[in-house]
PDB file of N, CA and C in Angstrom:
ATOM      1  N   UNK A   1       0.724  -1.195   0.044  1.00  0.00           N
ATOM      2  CA  UNK A   1      -0.043   0.043  -0.060  1.00  0.00           C
ATOM      3  C   UNK A   1       0.902   1.144  -0.005  1.00  0.00           C
ATOM      4  N   UNK A   2       0.529   2.065  -0.930  1.00  0.00           N
ATOM      5  CA  UNK A   2       1.470   3.476  -0.969  1.00  0.00           C
ATOM      6  C   UNK A   2       0.779   4.511  -0.126  1.00  0.00           C
ATOM      7  N   UNK A   3       1.765   5.253   0.284  1.00  0.00           N
ATOM      8  CA  UNK A   3       1.057   6.504   1.124  1.00  0.00           C
ATOM      9  C   UNK A   3       1.846   7.772   0.643  1.00  0.00           C
ATOM     10  N   UNK A   4       1.003   8.902   0.620  1.00  0.00           N
ATOM     11  CA  UNK A   4       1.429  10.082  -0.106  1.00  0.00           C
ATOM     12  C   UNK A   4       1.729  11.108   0.962  1.00  0.00           C
ATOM     13  N   UNK A   5       2.493  12.221   0.646  1.00  0.00           N
ATOM     14  CA  UNK A   5       2.564  13.426   1.375  1.00  0.00           C
ATOM     15  C   UNK A   5       3.064  14.415   0.313  1.00  0.00           C
ATOM     16  N   UNK A   6       2.356  15.691   0.578  1.00  0.00           N
ATOM     17  CA  UNK A   6       2.747  16.722  -0.368  1.00  0.00           C
ATOM     18  C   UNK A   6       3.062  18.011   0.212  1.00  0.00           C
ATOM     19  N   UNK A   7       3.977  18.823  -0.402  1.00  0.00           N
ATOM     20  CA  UNK A   7       4.147  20.200  -0.038  1.00  0.00           C
ATOM     21  C   UNK A   7       3.814  21.027  -1.247  1.00  0.00           C
ATOM     22  N   UNK A   8       2.776  22.083  -1.067  1.00  0.00           N
ATOM     23  CA  UNK A   8       2.572  22.822  -1.948  1.00  0.00           C
ATOM     24  C   UNK A   8       2.861  24.322  -1.985  1.00  0.00           C
ATOM     25  N   UNK A   9       3.114  24.949  -3.009  1.00  0.00           N
ATOM     26  CA  UNK A   9       3.418  26.407  -2.906  1.00  0.00           C
ATOM     27  C   UNK A   9       5.055  26.508  -2.414  1.00  0.00           C
ATOM     28  N   UNK A  10       5.894  25.591  -2.438  1.00  0.00           N
ATOM     29  CA  UNK A  10       7.211  25.830  -1.900  1.00  0.00           C
ATOM     30  C   UNK A  10       8.100  26.531  -2.742  1.00  0.00           C
ATOM     31  N   UNK A  11       8.742  27.611  -2.120  1.00  0.00           N
ATOM     32  CA  UNK A  11       9.540  28.814  -2.771  1.00  0.00           C
ATOM     33  C   UNK A  11      10.697  28.458  -3.275  1.00  0.00           C
ATOM     34  N   UNK A  12      10.711  27.510  -4.273  1.00  0.00           N
ATOM     35  CA  UNK A  12      11.825  27.136  -5.029  1.00  0.00           C
ATOM     36  C   UNK A  12      11.391  26.535  -6.235  1.00  0.00           C
ATOM     37  N   UNK A  13      12.374  26.727  -7.324  1.00  0.00           N
ATOM     38  CA  UNK A  13      12.248  26.404  -8.544  1.00  0.00           C
ATOM     39  C   UNK A  13      12.087  24.980  -8.742  1.00  0.00           C
ATOM     40  N   UNK A  14      11.165  24.417  -9.478  1.00  0.00           N
ATOM     41  CA  UNK A  14      10.932  22.944  -9.674  1.00  0.00           C
ATOM     42  C   UNK A  14      12.471  22.329 -10.525  1.00  0.00           C
ATOM     43  N   UNK A  15      12.914  23.107 -11.258  1.00  0.00           N
ATOM     44  CA  UNK A  15      14.329  22.611 -11.777  1.00  0.00           C
ATOM     45  C   UNK A  15      15.506  22.385 -10.618  1.00  0.00           C
ATOM     46  N   UNK A  16      15.377  22.981  -9.696  1.00  0.00           N
ATOM     47  CA  UNK A  16      16.317  22.904  -8.697  1.00  0.00           C
ATOM     48  C   UNK A  16      15.971  21.550  -7.652  1.00  0.00           C
ATOM     49  N   UNK A  17      14.661  21.670  -7.512  1.00  0.00           N
ATOM     50  CA  UNK A  17      14.314  20.267  -6.725  1.00  0.00           C
ATOM     51  C   UNK A  17      14.512  19.021  -7.429  1.00  0.00           C
ATOM     52  N   UNK A  18      14.223  19.182  -8.833  1.00  0.00           N
ATOM     53  CA  UNK A  18      14.566  17.993  -9.937  1.00  0.00           C
ATOM     54  C   UNK A  18      15.936  17.415  -9.706  1.00  0.00           C
ATOM     55  N   UNK A  19      16.901  18.267  -9.522  1.00  0.00           N
ATOM     56  CA  UNK A  19      18.290  17.748  -9.399  1.00  0.00           C
ATOM     57  C   UNK A  19      18.565  16.920  -8.186  1.00  0.00           C
ATOM     58  N   UNK A  20      17.894  17.467  -7.181  1.00  0.00           N
ATOM     59  CA  UNK A  20      17.991  16.586  -5.853  1.00  0.00           C
ATOM     60  C   UNK A  20      17.141  15.328  -5.690  1.00  0.00           C
ATOM     61  N   UNK A  21      15.939  15.181  -6.340  1.00  0.00           N
ATOM     62  CA  UNK A  21      15.324  14.003  -6.091  1.00  0.00           C
ATOM     63  C   UNK A  21      15.704  12.890  -6.811  1.00  0.00           C
ATOM     64  N   UNK A  22      16.556  12.999  -8.028  1.00  0.00           N
ATOM     65  CA  UNK A  22      16.982  11.759  -8.639  1.00  0.00           C
ATOM     66  C   UNK A  22      17.742  10.830  -7.720  1.00  0.00           C
ATOM     67  N   UNK A  23      18.509  11.581  -6.665  1.00  0.00           N
ATOM     68  CA  UNK A  23      19.557  10.863  -5.768  1.00  0.00           C
ATOM     69  C   UNK A  23      18.707   9.802  -4.903  1.00  0.00           C
ATOM     70  N   UNK A  24      17.582  10.075  -4.667  1.00  0.00           N
ATOM     71  CA  UNK A  24      16.843   9.392  -3.546  1.00  0.00           C
ATOM     72  C   UNK A  24      15.637   8.528  -3.751  1.00  0.00           C
ATOM     73  N   UNK A  25      15.277   8.674  -5.354  1.00  0.00           N
ATOM     74  CA  UNK A  25      14.130   7.793  -5.739  1.00  0.00           C
ATOM     75  C   UNK A  25      14.690   6.298  -5.719  1.00  0.00           C
ATOM     76  N   UNK A  26      13.734   5.483  -5.120  1.00  0.00           N
ATOM     77  CA  UNK A  26      14.002   4.051  -5.031  1.00  0.00           C
ATOM     78  C   UNK A  26      14.778   3.432  -4.082  1.00  0.00           C
ATOM     79  N   UNK A  27      15.318   4.535  -3.191  1.00  0.00           N
ATOM     80  CA  UNK A  27      16.021   4.064  -1.960  1.00  0.00           C
ATOM     81  C   UNK A  27      15.215   3.687  -0.941  1.00  0.00           C
ATOM     82  N   UNK A  28      15.598   2.846   0.162  1.00  0.00           N
ATOM     83  CA  UNK A  28      14.895   2.832   1.597  1.00  0.00           C
ATOM     84  C   UNK A  28      14.670   4.126   2.177  1.00  0.00           C
ATOM     85  N   UNK A  29      13.710   4.406   2.930  1.00  0.00           N
ATOM     86  CA  UNK A  29      13.441   5.778   3.462  1.00  0.00           C
ATOM     87  C   UNK A  29      14.641   5.989   4.456  1.00  0.00           C
ATOM     88  N   UNK A  30      15.172   5.225   5.164  1.00  0.00           N
ATOM     89  CA  UNK A  30      16.390   5.518   6.002  1.00  0.00           C
ATOM     90  C   UNK A  30      17.451   6.163   5.443  1.00  0.00           C
ATOM     91  N   UNK A  31      18.018   5.519   4.457  1.00  0.00           N
ATOM     92  CA  UNK A  31      19.124   5.828   3.835  1.00  0.00           C
ATOM     93  C   UNK A  31      18.832   7.071   2.837  1.00  0.00           C
ATOM     94  N   UNK A  32      17.560   7.098   2.413  1.00  0.00           N
ATOM     95  CA  UNK A  32      17.138   8.343   1.605  1.00  0.00           C
ATOM     96  C   UNK A  32      17.135   9.590   2.622  1.00  0.00           C
ATOM     97  N   UNK A  33      16.680   9.590   3.696  1.00  0.00           N
ATOM     98  CA  UNK A  33      16.899  10.654   4.631  1.00  0.00           C
ATOM     99  C   UNK A  33      18.252  10.843   5.171  1.00  0.00           C
ATOM    100  N   UNK A  34      19.089   9.920   5.217  1.00  0.00           N
ATOM    101  CA  UNK A  34      20.476  10.337   5.562  1.00  0.00           C
ATOM    102  C   UNK A  34      21.089  10.860   4.251  1.00  0.00           C
ATOM    103  N   UNK A  35      20.831  10.565   3.083  1.00  0.00           N
ATOM    104  CA  UNK A  35      21.384  11.240   1.886  1.00  0.00           C
ATOM    105  C   UNK A  35      20.926  12.672   1.841  1.00  0.00           C
ATOM    106  N   UNK A  36      19.603  12.949   2.020  1.00  0.00           N
ATOM    107  CA  UNK A  36      19.143  14.218   2.122  1.00  0.00           C
ATOM    108  C   UNK A  36      19.614  15.100   3.236  1.00  0.00           C
ATOM    109  N   UNK A  37      19.638  14.459   4.304  1.00  0.00           N
ATOM    110  CA  UNK A  37      20.306  15.236   5.480  1.00  0.00           C
ATOM    111  C   UNK A  37      21.751  15.879   5.092  1.00  0.00           C
ATOM    112  N   UNK A  38      22.566  15.280   4.352  1.00  0.00           N
ATOM    113  CA  UNK A  38      24.059  15.887   4.202  1.00  0.00           C
ATOM    114  C   UNK A  38      24.152  16.546   2.874  1.00  0.00           C
ATOM    115  N   UNK A  39      23.131  16.746   2.034  1.00  0.00           N
ATOM    116  CA  UNK A  39      23.150  17.645   0.887  1.00  0.00           C
ATOM    117  C   UNK A  39      23.128  18.930   1.231  1.00  0.00           C
ATOM    118  N   UNK A  40      23.939  19.846   0.577  1.00  0.00           N
ATOM    119  CA  UNK A  40      23.946  21.151   1.000  1.00  0.00           C
ATOM    120  C   UNK A  40      22.759  22.002   0.220  1.00  0.00           C
ATOM    121  N   UNK A  41      22.046  21.546  -0.668  1.00  0.00           N
ATOM    122  CA  UNK A  41      21.182  22.115  -1.374  1.00  0.00           C
ATOM    123  C   UNK A  41      19.775  22.646  -0.516  1.00  0.00           C
ATOM    124  N   UNK A  42      19.337  23.760  -0.724  1.00  0.00           N
ATOM    125  CA  UNK A  42      18.076  24.067   0.059  1.00  0.00           C
ATOM    126  C   UNK A  42      16.947  23.064  -0.328  1.00  0.00           C
ATOM    127  N   UNK A  43      16.888  22.686  -1.383  1.00  0.00           N
ATOM    128  CA  UNK A  43      15.757  21.753  -1.883  1.00  0.00           C
ATOM    129  C   UNK A  43      15.827  20.467  -0.946  1.00  0.00           C
ATOM    130  N   UNK A  44      17.124  19.953  -0.692  1.00  0.00           N
ATOM    131  CA  UNK A  44      17.087  18.841   0.003  1.00  0.00           C
ATOM    132  C   UNK A  44      16.441  18.804   1.506  1.00  0.00           C
ATOM    133  N   UNK A  45      16.458  19.914   2.125  1.00  0.00           N
ATOM    134  CA  UNK A  45      15.718  20.210   3.510  1.00  0.00           C
ATOM    135  C   UNK A  45      14.358  20.105   3.279  1.00  0.00           C
ATOM    136  N   UNK A  46      13.854  20.622   2.020  1.00  0.00           N
ATOM    137  CA  UNK A  46      12.447  20.541   1.644  1.00  0.00           C
ATOM    138  C   UNK A  46      11.773  19.157   1.626  1.00  0.00           C
ATOM    139  N   UNK A  47      12.592  18.478   0.681  1.00  0.00           N
ATOM    140  CA  UNK A  47      12.068  17.105   0.370  1.00  0.00           C
ATOM    141  C   UNK A  47      12.227  16.276   1.533  1.00  0.00           C
ATOM    142  N   UNK A  48      13.366  16.491   2.382  1.00  0.00           N
ATOM    143  CA  UNK A  48      13.584  15.629   3.733  1.00  0.00           C
ATOM    144  C   UNK A  48      12.179  15.809   4.406  1.00  0.00           C
ATOM    145  N   UNK A  49      11.792  17.172   4.686  1.00  0.00           N
ATOM    146  CA  UNK A  49      10.560  17.252   5.472  1.00  0.00           C
ATOM    147  C   UNK A  49       9.247  16.708   4.985  1.00  0.00           C
ATOM    148  N   UNK A  50       9.187  16.503   3.557  1.00  0.00           N
ATOM    149  CA  UNK A  50       8.032  15.984   3.127  1.00  0.00           C
ATOM    150  C   UNK A  50       8.058  14.327   3.066  1.00  0.00           C
ATOM    151  N   UNK A  51       9.245  13.822   2.915  1.00  0.00           N
ATOM    152  CA  UNK A  51       9.654  12.411   3.277  1.00  0.00           C
ATOM    153  C   UNK A  51       9.295  12.064   4.742  1.00  0.00           C
ATOM    154  N   UNK A  52       9.699  12.813   5.558  1.00  0.00           N
ATOM    155  CA  UNK A  52       9.172  12.515   7.017  1.00  0.00           C
ATOM    156  C   UNK A  52       7.783  12.686   7.361  1.00  0.00           C
ATOM    157  N   UNK A  53       7.130  13.502   6.659  1.00  0.00           N
ATOM    158  CA  UNK A  53       5.613  13.736   6.808  1.00  0.00           C
ATOM    159  C   UNK A  53       4.962  12.290   6.040  1.00  0.00           C
ATOM    160  N   UNK A  54       5.560  11.896   4.906  1.00  0.00           N
ATOM    161  CA  UNK A  54       5.100  10.685   4.258  1.00  0.00           C
ATOM    162  C   UNK A  54       5.138   9.430   5.351  1.00  0.00           C
ATOM    163  N   UNK A  55       6.347   9.343   5.943  1.00  0.00           N
ATOM    164  CA  UNK A  55       6.624   8.296   6.873  1.00  0.00           C
ATOM    165  C   UNK A  55       5.711   8.338   8.105  1.00  0.00           C
ATOM    166  N   UNK A  56       5.356   9.488   8.533  1.00  0.00           N
ATOM    167  CA  UNK A  56       4.487   9.834   9.751  1.00  0.00           C
ATOM    168  C   UNK A  56       3.050   9.391   9.175  1.00  0.00           C
ATOM    169  N   UNK A  57       2.562   9.656   7.894  1.00  0.00           N
ATOM    170  CA  UNK A  57       1.327   9.285   7.528  1.00  0.00           C
ATOM    171  C   UNK A  57       1.145   7.692   7.435  1.00  0.00           C
ATOM    172  N   UNK A  58       2.311   7.072   6.923  1.00  0.00           N
ATOM    173  CA  UNK A  58       2.286   5.680   6.816  1.00  0.00           C
ATOM    174  C   UNK A  58       2.223   5.110   8.215  1.00  0.00           C
ATOM    175  N   UNK A  59       2.935   5.659   9.290  1.00  0.00           N
ATOM    176  CA  UNK A  59       2.818   5.273  10.660  1.00  0.00           C
ATOM    177  C   UNK A  59       1.374   5.108  11.226  1.00  0.00           C
ATOM    178  N   UNK A  60       0.605   5.950  10.771  1.00  0.00           N
ATOM    179  CA  UNK A  60      -0.873   6.000  11.082  1.00  0.00           C
ATOM    180  C   UNK A  60      -1.643   4.828  10.564  1.00  0.00           C
ATOM    181  N   UNK A  61      -1.318   4.227   9.629  1.00  0.00           N
ATOM    182  CA  UNK A  61      -2.009   2.926   8.940  1.00  0.00           C
ATOM    183  C   UNK A  61      -1.465   1.874   9.685  1.00  0.00           C
ATOM    184  N   UNK A  62      -2.438   1.000  10.080  1.00  0.00           N
ATOM    185  CA  UNK A  62      -2.296  -0.325  10.490  1.00  0.00           C
ATOM    186  C   UNK A  62      -1.768  -1.297   9.323  1.00  0.00           C
ATOM    187  N   UNK A  63      -0.943  -2.151   9.757  1.00  0.00           N
ATOM    188  CA  UNK A  63      -0.266  -3.143   8.765  1.00  0.00           C
ATOM    189  C   UNK A  63       0.675  -2.785   7.860  1.00  0.00           C
ATOM    190  N   UNK A  64       1.291  -1.328   8.227  1.00  0.00           N
ATOM    191  CA  UNK A  64       2.422  -1.129   7.539  1.00  0.00           C
ATOM    192  C   UNK A  64       3.605  -0.937   8.312  1.00  0.00           C
ATOM    193  N   UNK A  65       4.745  -1.710   7.946  1.00  0.00           N
ATOM    194  CA  UNK A  65       5.940  -1.672   8.795  1.00  0.00           C
ATOM    195  C   UNK A  65       6.795  -0.428   8.179  1.00  0.00           C
ATOM    196  N   UNK A  66       7.114   0.525   9.051  1.00  0.00           N
ATOM    197  CA  UNK A  66       7.834   1.713   8.831  1.00  0.00           C
ATOM    198  C   UNK A  66       9.179   1.405   8.354  1.00  0.00           C
ATOM    199  N   UNK A  67       9.819   0.275   8.987  1.00  0.00           N
ATOM    200  CA  UNK A  67      11.238   0.075   8.641  1.00  0.00           C
ATOM    201  C   UNK A  67      11.413  -0.593   7.324  1.00  0.00           C
ATOM    202  N   UNK A  68      10.472  -1.028   6.738  1.00  0.00           N
ATOM    203  CA  UNK A  68      10.321  -1.708   5.340  1.00  0.00           C
ATOM    204  C   UNK A  68      10.058  -0.515   4.253  1.00  0.00           C
ATOM    205  N   UNK A  69       9.704   0.574   4.497  1.00  0.00           N
ATOM    206  CA  UNK A  69       9.303   1.599   3.513  1.00  0.00           C
ATOM    207  C   UNK A  69      10.468   1.916   2.368  1.00  0.00           C
ATOM    208  N   UNK A  70      10.124   2.258   1.309  1.00  0.00           N
ATOM    209  CA  UNK A  70      10.874   2.563   0.244  1.00  0.00           C
ATOM    210  C   UNK A  70      10.283   3.856  -0.554  1.00  0.00           C
ATOM    211  N   UNK A  71      11.136   4.960  -0.805  1.00  0.00           N
ATOM    212  CA  UNK A  71      10.562   5.974  -1.533  1.00  0.00           C
ATOM    213  C   UNK A  71      10.328   5.531  -2.997  1.00  0.00           C
ATOM    214  N   UNK A  72       9.053   5.384  -3.307  1.00  0.00           N
ATOM    215  CA  UNK A  72       8.814   4.846  -4.567  1.00  0.00           C
ATOM    216  C   UNK A  72       8.808   5.886  -5.646  1.00  0.00           C
ATOM    217  N   UNK A  73       8.226   6.991  -5.411  1.00  0.00           N
ATOM    218  CA  UNK A  73       8.454   8.119  -6.425  1.00  0.00           C
ATOM    219  C   UNK A  73       8.180   9.450  -5.819  1.00  0.00           C
ATOM    220  N   UNK A  74       8.873  10.424  -6.405  1.00  0.00           N
ATOM    221  CA  UNK A  74       8.828  11.899  -6.056  1.00  0.00           C
ATOM    222  C   UNK A  74       8.416  12.798  -7.199  1.00  0.00           C
ATOM    223  N   UNK A  75       7.411  13.384  -7.280  1.00  0.00           N
ATOM    224  CA  UNK A  75       6.959  14.096  -8.339  1.00  0.00           C
ATOM    225  C   UNK A  75       6.991  15.649  -7.903  1.00  0.00           C
ATOM    226  N   UNK A  76       7.562  16.383  -8.857  1.00  0.00           N
ATOM    227  CA  UNK A  76       7.606  17.803  -8.843  1.00  0.00           C
ATOM    228  C   UNK A  76       6.984  18.707  -9.769  1.00  0.00           C
ATOM    229  N   UNK A  77       6.028  19.359  -9.455  1.00  0.00           N
ATOM    230  CA  UNK A  77       5.070  20.149 -10.611  1.00  0.00           C
ATOM    231  C   UNK A  77       5.437  21.519 -10.212  1.00  0.00           C
ATOM    232  N   UNK A  78       5.140  22.354 -11.200  1.00  0.00           N
ATOM    233  CA  UNK A  78       5.201  23.707 -11.333  1.00  0.00           C
ATOM    234  C   UNK A  78       3.898  24.339 -10.559  1.00  0.00           C
ATOM    235  N   UNK A  79       4.224  25.383  -9.603  1.00  0.00           N
ATOM    236  CA  UNK A  79       3.219  26.008  -8.907  1.00  0.00           C
ATOM    237  C   UNK A  79       3.083  27.265  -9.619  1.00  0.00           C
ATOM    238  N   UNK A  80       2.289  28.167  -8.998  1.00  0.00           N
ATOM    239  CA  UNK A  80       2.195  29.506  -9.692  1.00  0.00           C
ATOM    240  C   UNK A  80       3.357  30.510  -9.444  1.00  0.00           C
ATOM    241  N   UNK A  81       3.709  31.292 -10.384  1.00  0.00           N
ATOM    242  CA  UNK A  81       4.741  32.144 -10.300  1.00  0.00           C
ATOM    243  C   UNK A  81       4.411  33.485  -9.712  1.00  0.00           C
ATOM    244  N   UNK A  82       5.192  34.055  -8.820  1.00  0.00           N
ATOM    245  CA  UNK A  82       5.086  35.461  -8.336  1.00  0.00           C
ATOM    246  C   UNK A  82       5.861  36.258  -9.561  1.00  0.00           C
ATOM    247  N   UNK A  83       5.069  37.261  -9.945  1.00  0.00           N
ATOM    248  CA  UNK A  83       5.756  38.068 -10.986  1.00  0.00           C
ATOM    249  C   UNK A  83       6.076  39.317 -10.402  1.00  0.00           C
ATOM    250  N   UNK A  84       7.351  39.726 -10.672  1.00  0.00           N
ATOM    251  CA  UNK A  84       7.905  40.918 -10.216  1.00  0.00           C
ATOM    252  C   UNK A  84       8.697  41.596 -11.354  1.00  0.00           C
ATOM    253  N   UNK A  85       8.987  42.985 -11.187  1.00  0.00           N
ATOM    254  CA  UNK A  85       9.633  43.856 -12.084  1.00  0.00           C
ATOM    255  C   UNK A  85      10.904  44.399 -11.592  1.00  0.00           C
ATOM    256  N   UNK A  86      11.803  44.447 -12.426  1.00  0.00           N
ATOM    257  CA  UNK A  86      13.224  45.019 -12.044  1.00  0.00           C
ATOM    258  C   UNK A  86      13.667  46.089 -12.931  1.00  0.00           C
ATOM    259  N   UNK A  87      13.992  47.238 -12.586  1.00  0.00           N
ATOM    260  CA  UNK A  87      14.370  48.347 -13.466  1.00  0.00           C
ATOM    261  C   UNK A  87      15.540  47.899 -14.340  1.00  0.00           C
ATOM    262  N   UNK A  88      15.748  48.530 -15.320  1.00  0.00           N
ATOM    263  CA  UNK A  88      16.918  48.200 -16.306  1.00  0.00           C
ATOM    264  C   UNK A  88      17.232  49.537 -16.984  1.00  0.00           C
ATOM    265  N   UNK A  89      18.188  49.298 -17.827  1.00  0.00           N
ATOM    266  CA  UNK A  89      18.697  50.480 -18.396  1.00  0.00           C
ATOM    267  C   UNK A  89      17.848  51.334 -19.361  1.00  0.00           C
ATOM    268  N   UNK A  90      17.842  52.618 -19.638  1.00  0.00           N
ATOM    269  CA  UNK A  90      17.252  53.610 -20.477  1.00  0.00           C
ATOM    270  C   UNK A  90      15.540  53.374 -20.170  1.00  0.00           C
ATOM    271  N   UNK A  91      15.283  53.368 -18.828  1.00  0.00           N
ATOM    272  CA  UNK A  91      13.900  53.466 -18.402  1.00  0.00           C
ATOM    273  C   UNK A  91      13.290  52.313 -18.723  1.00  0.00           C
ATOM    274  N   UNK A  92      13.693  51.071 -18.883  1.00  0.00           N
ATOM    275  CA  UNK A  92      12.858  49.850 -19.119  1.00  0.00           C
ATOM    276  C   UNK A  92      12.936  49.209 -17.997  1.00  0.00           C
ATOM    277  N   UNK A  93      11.990  48.135 -17.926  1.00  0.00           N
ATOM    278  CA  UNK A  93      11.895  47.041 -16.979  1.00  0.00           C
ATOM    279  C   UNK A  93      11.707  45.695 -17.446  1.00  0.00           C
ATOM    280  N   UNK A  94      12.284  44.674 -16.735  1.00  0.00           N
ATOM    281  CA  UNK A  94      12.256  43.441 -17.049  1.00  0.00           C
ATOM    282  C   UNK A  94      11.286  42.492 -16.084  1.00  0.00           C
ATOM    283  N   UNK A  95      10.644  41.468 -16.342  1.00  0.00           N
ATOM    284  CA  UNK A  95      10.006  40.737 -15.533  1.00  0.00           C
ATOM    285  C   UNK A  95      10.908  39.810 -14.933  1.00  0.00           C
ATOM    286  N   UNK A  96      10.673  39.482 -13.527  1.00  0.00           N
ATOM    287  CA  UNK A  96      11.324  38.405 -12.784  1.00  0.00           C
ATOM    288  C   UNK A  96      10.380  37.551 -12.477  1.00  0.00           C
ATOM    289  N   UNK A  97      10.320  36.162 -12.461  1.00  0.00           N
ATOM    290  CA  UNK A  97       9.552  35.132 -12.268  1.00  0.00           C
ATOM    291  C   UNK A  97      10.101  34.481 -11.020  1.00  0.00           C
ATOM    292  N   UNK A  98       9.467  34.516 -10.229  1.00  0.00           N
ATOM    293  CA  UNK A  98       9.848  33.541  -8.739  1.00  0.00           C
ATOM    294  C   UNK A  98       8.855  32.626  -8.715  1.00  0.00           C
ATOM    295  N   UNK A  99       9.620  31.293  -9.112  1.00  0.00           N
ATOM    296  CA  UNK A  99       8.894  30.159  -9.301  1.00  0.00           C
ATOM    297  C   UNK A  99       8.525  29.350  -7.819  1.00  0.00           C
ATOM    298  N   UNK A 100       7.450  28.708  -7.995  1.00  0.00           N
ATOM    299  CA  UNK A 100       7.139  27.684  -6.808  1.00  0.00           C
ATOM    300  C   UNK A 100       6.886  26.555  -7.203  1.00  0.00           C
ATOM    301  N   UNK A 101       6.875  25.558  -6.496  1.00  0.00           N
ATOM    302  CA  UNK A 101       6.734  24.052  -6.682  1.00  0.00           C
ATOM    303  C   UNK A 101       5.827  23.431  -5.874  1.00  0.00           C
ATOM    304  N   UNK A 102       5.283  22.275  -6.443  1.00  0.00           N
ATOM    305  CA  UNK A 102       4.181  21.454  -5.556  1.00  0.00           C
ATOM    306  C   UNK A 102       5.154  20.139  -5.690  1.00  0.00           C
ATOM    307  N   UNK A 103       5.478  19.554  -4.450  1.00  0.00           N
ATOM    308  CA  UNK A 103       6.373  18.309  -4.417  1.00  0.00           C
ATOM    309  C   UNK A 103       5.376  17.230  -3.636  1.00  0.00           C
ATOM    310  N   UNK A 104       5.406  16.160  -4.339  1.00  0.00           N
ATOM    311  CA  UNK A 104       4.781  14.940  -3.847  1.00  0.00           C
ATOM    312  C   UNK A 104       5.663  13.619  -3.798  1.00  0.00           C
ATOM    313  N   UNK A 105       5.590  13.203  -2.523  1.00  0.00           N
ATOM    314  CA  UNK A 105       6.403  11.979  -2.272  1.00  0.00           C
ATOM    315  C   UNK A 105       5.394  10.788  -1.971  1.00  0.00           C
ATOM    316  N   UNK A 106       5.768   9.685  -2.631  1.00  0.00           N
ATOM    317  CA  UNK A 106       5.022   8.588  -2.420  1.00  0.00           C
ATOM    318  C   UNK A 106       5.968   7.388  -1.887  1.00  0.00           C
ATOM    319  N   UNK A 107       5.442   6.975  -0.808  1.00  0.00           N
ATOM    320  CA  UNK A 107       6.176   5.831  -0.085  1.00  0.00           C
ATOM    321  C   UNK A 107       5.330   4.633   0.085  1.00  0.00           C
ATOM    322  N   UNK A 108       6.119   3.292  -0.127  1.00  0.00           N
ATOM    323  CA  UNK A 108       5.267   2.159   0.034  1.00  0.00           C
ATOM    324  C   UNK A 108       6.335   1.018   0.400  1.00  0.00           C
ATOM    325  N   UNK A 109       5.729  -0.142   0.778  1.00  0.00           N
ATOM    326  CA  UNK A 109       6.581  -1.351   1.125  1.00  0.00           C
ATOM    327  C   UNK A 109       6.946  -1.820  -0.159  1.00  0.00           C
ATOM    328  N   UNK A 110       8.235  -2.231  -0.305  1.00  0.00           N
ATOM    329  CA  UNK A 110       8.738  -2.882  -1.404  1.00  0.00           C
ATOM    330  C   UNK A 110      10.157  -3.292  -1.155  1.00  0.00           C
ATOM    331  N   UNK A 111      10.838  -3.904  -2.222  1.00  0.00           N
ATOM    332  CA  UNK A 111      12.211  -4.383  -1.989  1.00  0.00           C
ATOM    333  C   UNK A 111      13.039  -3.026  -2.478  1.00  0.00           C
ATOM    334  N   UNK A 112      14.219  -2.989  -1.872  1.00  0.00           N
ATOM    335  CA  UNK A 112      15.099  -1.894  -2.107  1.00  0.00           C
ATOM    336  C   UNK A 112      16.064  -2.170  -3.151  1.00  0.00           C
TER     337      UNK A 112
END
C-alpha cells in the first residue's frame, strides 16, 4: 500500500528540486533521509521534510511496517509564479519570475 505526502507552494524552482530528487528515488526511506540530510542544497531540506511527513502518514496506517518503507516516487510540479519587475537601463523594466513548486512524495513497502 502506498502512502503520499505533499508540500504545495514551496518557494523554490522545480528545476532545482528535480536535481536533488534523482538521488533518493527508489532508496529505502532511512538511507534516503540520510542522503538528504547531508546534501547542501536548499531543496534537500524541503524534500526531507516531506519524506518525514509521508513516513508519519504511513505510521498511522495499521499493517504498514515503517522500517520496510521505500521511496517509490517523488513528483515535482510547477506551482504559480510570483511576477515581479526590475528596473533596467534606459527606463525599461524586465519581468522576474519567482517560481514555486508542488512536491509529492510516495512511499510504500517494497524491495530496495
